Amino acid sequence: MTKFWTFLSALHSIAGPVVMLLYPLYASVLAIESPSKADDEQWLAYWILYSFLTLSELILQSLLEWIPIWYTAKLMLVAWLVLPQFRGAAFIYNRVVREQFRKYGILKPKVQHQTE
């Protein structure tokens, strides 16, 4: 049973960098090279949210050390942001980040031009 837990621990340690960095890096390069704008939005939103999460972790590190499931919860959140079936990063960006930036005047609402 000890070898099984060692294996799970090693798998858990490898899953973080793969899910949080390697796959998004690969998908971002593919998105830049593709003609579609939707995948560009997904990956730009991911990197914005990942940067915010990393900065938050740096600030709250002493508090997060006391939460034993923090790394697992973070891994699950990032997996939801990354997986193309969910498009979580674009969803959070559109529903939260964009609205907050508009609320505080950092982003100006787009003006719709009417054509006659």
Protein backbone atom coordinates (compact mmCIF):
# COMPACT_ATOMS: atom_id res chain seq x y z
CA MET A 1 0.00 0.00 0.00
CA THR A 2 2.94 2.32 0.66
CA LYS A 3 4.12 2.05 -2.94
CA PHE A 4 0.62 2.91 -4.14
CA TRP A 5 0.57 6.12 -2.07
CA THR A 6 4.06 6.97 -3.28
CA PHE A 7 2.87 6.50 -6.86
CA LEU A 8 -0.22 8.68 -6.26
CA SER A 9 1.92 11.35 -4.63
CA ALA A 10 4.32 11.38 -7.59
CA LEU A 11 1.41 11.49 -10.04
CA HIS A 12 -0.11 14.38 -8.13
CA SER A 13 3.21 16.26 -8.24
CA ILE A 14 3.52 15.78 -12.00
CA ALA A 15 -0.13 16.61 -12.76
CA GLY A 16 0.19 20.20 -11.53
CA PRO A 17 2.86 21.39 -13.95
CA VAL A 18 1.34 19.41 -16.82
CA VAL A 19 -2.19 20.77 -16.30
CA MET A 20 -1.20 24.29 -15.26
CA LEU A 21 1.73 24.98 -17.58
CA LEU A 22 2.67 22.41 -20.24
CA TYR A 23 -0.75 21.83 -21.81
CA PRO A 24 -1.71 25.54 -21.74
CA LEU A 25 1.64 26.42 -23.30
CA TYR A 26 1.10 23.89 -26.09
CA ALA A 27 -2.53 24.96 -26.64
CA SER A 28 -1.55 28.64 -26.67
CA VAL A 29 0.97 28.06 -29.46
CA LEU A 30 -1.67 26.17 -31.46
CA ALA A 31 -4.17 28.99 -30.83
CA ILE A 32 -1.76 31.64 -32.11
CA GLU A 33 -1.19 29.63 -35.27
CA SER A 34 -4.89 28.97 -35.93
CA PRO A 35 -7.13 31.43 -37.80
CA SER A 36 -9.87 31.22 -35.13
CA LYS A 37 -10.23 34.03 -32.60
CA ALA A 38 -12.20 31.92 -30.08
CA ASP A 39 -9.21 29.84 -29.01
CA ASP A 40 -7.06 32.99 -28.70
CA GLU A 41 -9.63 34.41 -26.28
CA GLN A 42 -9.69 31.17 -24.25
CA TRP A 43 -5.91 31.06 -23.79
CA LEU A 44 -5.43 34.77 -23.18
CA ALA A 45 -8.16 34.52 -20.54
CA TYR A 46 -6.42 31.48 -19.04
CA TRP A 47 -3.08 33.27 -18.69
CA ILE A 48 -4.79 36.30 -17.13
CA LEU A 49 -6.56 34.10 -14.57
CA TYR A 50 -3.49 31.94 -13.93
CA SER A 51 -1.42 35.08 -13.28
CA PHE A 52 -4.06 36.37 -10.88
CA LEU A 53 -4.19 33.00 -9.09
CA THR A 54 -0.40 32.90 -8.79
CA LEU A 55 -0.21 36.45 -7.43
CA SER A 56 -3.00 35.67 -4.97
CA GLU A 57 -1.12 32.59 -3.81
CA LEU A 58 2.03 34.62 -3.22
CA ILE A 59 0.12 37.11 -1.09
CA LEU A 60 -1.91 34.50 0.83
CA GLN A 61 0.81 31.84 1.09
CA SER A 62 0.96 31.77 4.90
CA LEU A 63 -2.82 31.32 5.08
CA LEU A 64 -3.02 28.71 2.30
CA GLU A 65 -0.41 26.54 4.04
CA TRP A 66 -3.06 25.76 6.65
CA ILE A 67 -5.53 24.43 4.09
CA PRO A 68 -4.49 20.81 3.44
CA ILE A 69 -6.49 20.37 0.23
CA TRP A 70 -5.47 23.69 -1.34
CA TYR A 71 -3.20 22.18 -4.00
CA THR A 72 -5.81 19.61 -5.00
CA ALA A 73 -8.55 22.26 -5.14
CA LYS A 74 -6.29 24.52 -7.21
CA LEU A 75 -5.51 21.64 -9.56
CA MET A 76 -9.21 20.94 -10.06
CA LEU A 77 -9.98 24.64 -10.65
CA VAL A 78 -7.17 24.98 -13.18
CA ALA A 79 -8.27 21.77 -14.93
CA TRP A 80 -11.75 23.31 -15.30
CA LEU A 81 -10.18 26.50 -16.69
CA VAL A 82 -8.01 24.55 -19.14
CA LEU A 83 -10.19 21.76 -20.50
CA PRO A 84 -11.68 22.71 -23.87
CA GLN A 85 -14.98 20.97 -23.06
CA PHE A 86 -15.68 23.57 -20.36
CA ARG A 87 -13.90 26.72 -21.64
CA GLY A 88 -13.78 27.80 -18.00
CA ALA A 89 -11.19 30.52 -18.50
CA ALA A 90 -13.25 32.32 -21.15
CA PHE A 91 -16.38 31.90 -19.01
CA ILE A 92 -14.78 33.44 -15.88
CA TYR A 93 -13.19 36.22 -17.92
CA ASN A 94 -16.47 37.17 -19.61
CA ARG A 95 -18.60 36.89 -16.46
CA VAL A 96 -16.25 38.29 -13.81
CA VAL A 97 -13.06 39.95 -15.02
CA ARG A 98 -14.52 41.93 -17.91
CA GLU A 99 -17.46 43.13 -15.78
CA GLN A 100 -15.18 44.26 -12.94
CA PHE A 101 -12.89 46.10 -15.34
CA ARG A 102 -15.88 47.85 -16.88
CA LYS A 103 -17.35 48.63 -13.47
CA TYR A 104 -14.19 50.45 -12.39
CA GLY A 105 -13.68 52.19 -15.74
CA ILE A 106 -10.60 50.27 -16.82
CA LEU A 107 -12.44 48.99 -19.90
CA LYS A 108 -14.85 51.13 -21.82
CA PRO A 109 -18.02 49.45 -23.11
CA LYS A 110 -17.95 48.84 -26.84
CA VAL A 111 -20.13 51.27 -28.76
CA GLN A 112 -22.44 49.57 -31.24
CA HIS A 113 -22.57 51.43 -34.54
CA GLN A 114 -25.98 51.38 -36.17
CA THR A 115 -26.10 51.15 -39.92
CA GLU A 116 -29.08 52.40 -41.86
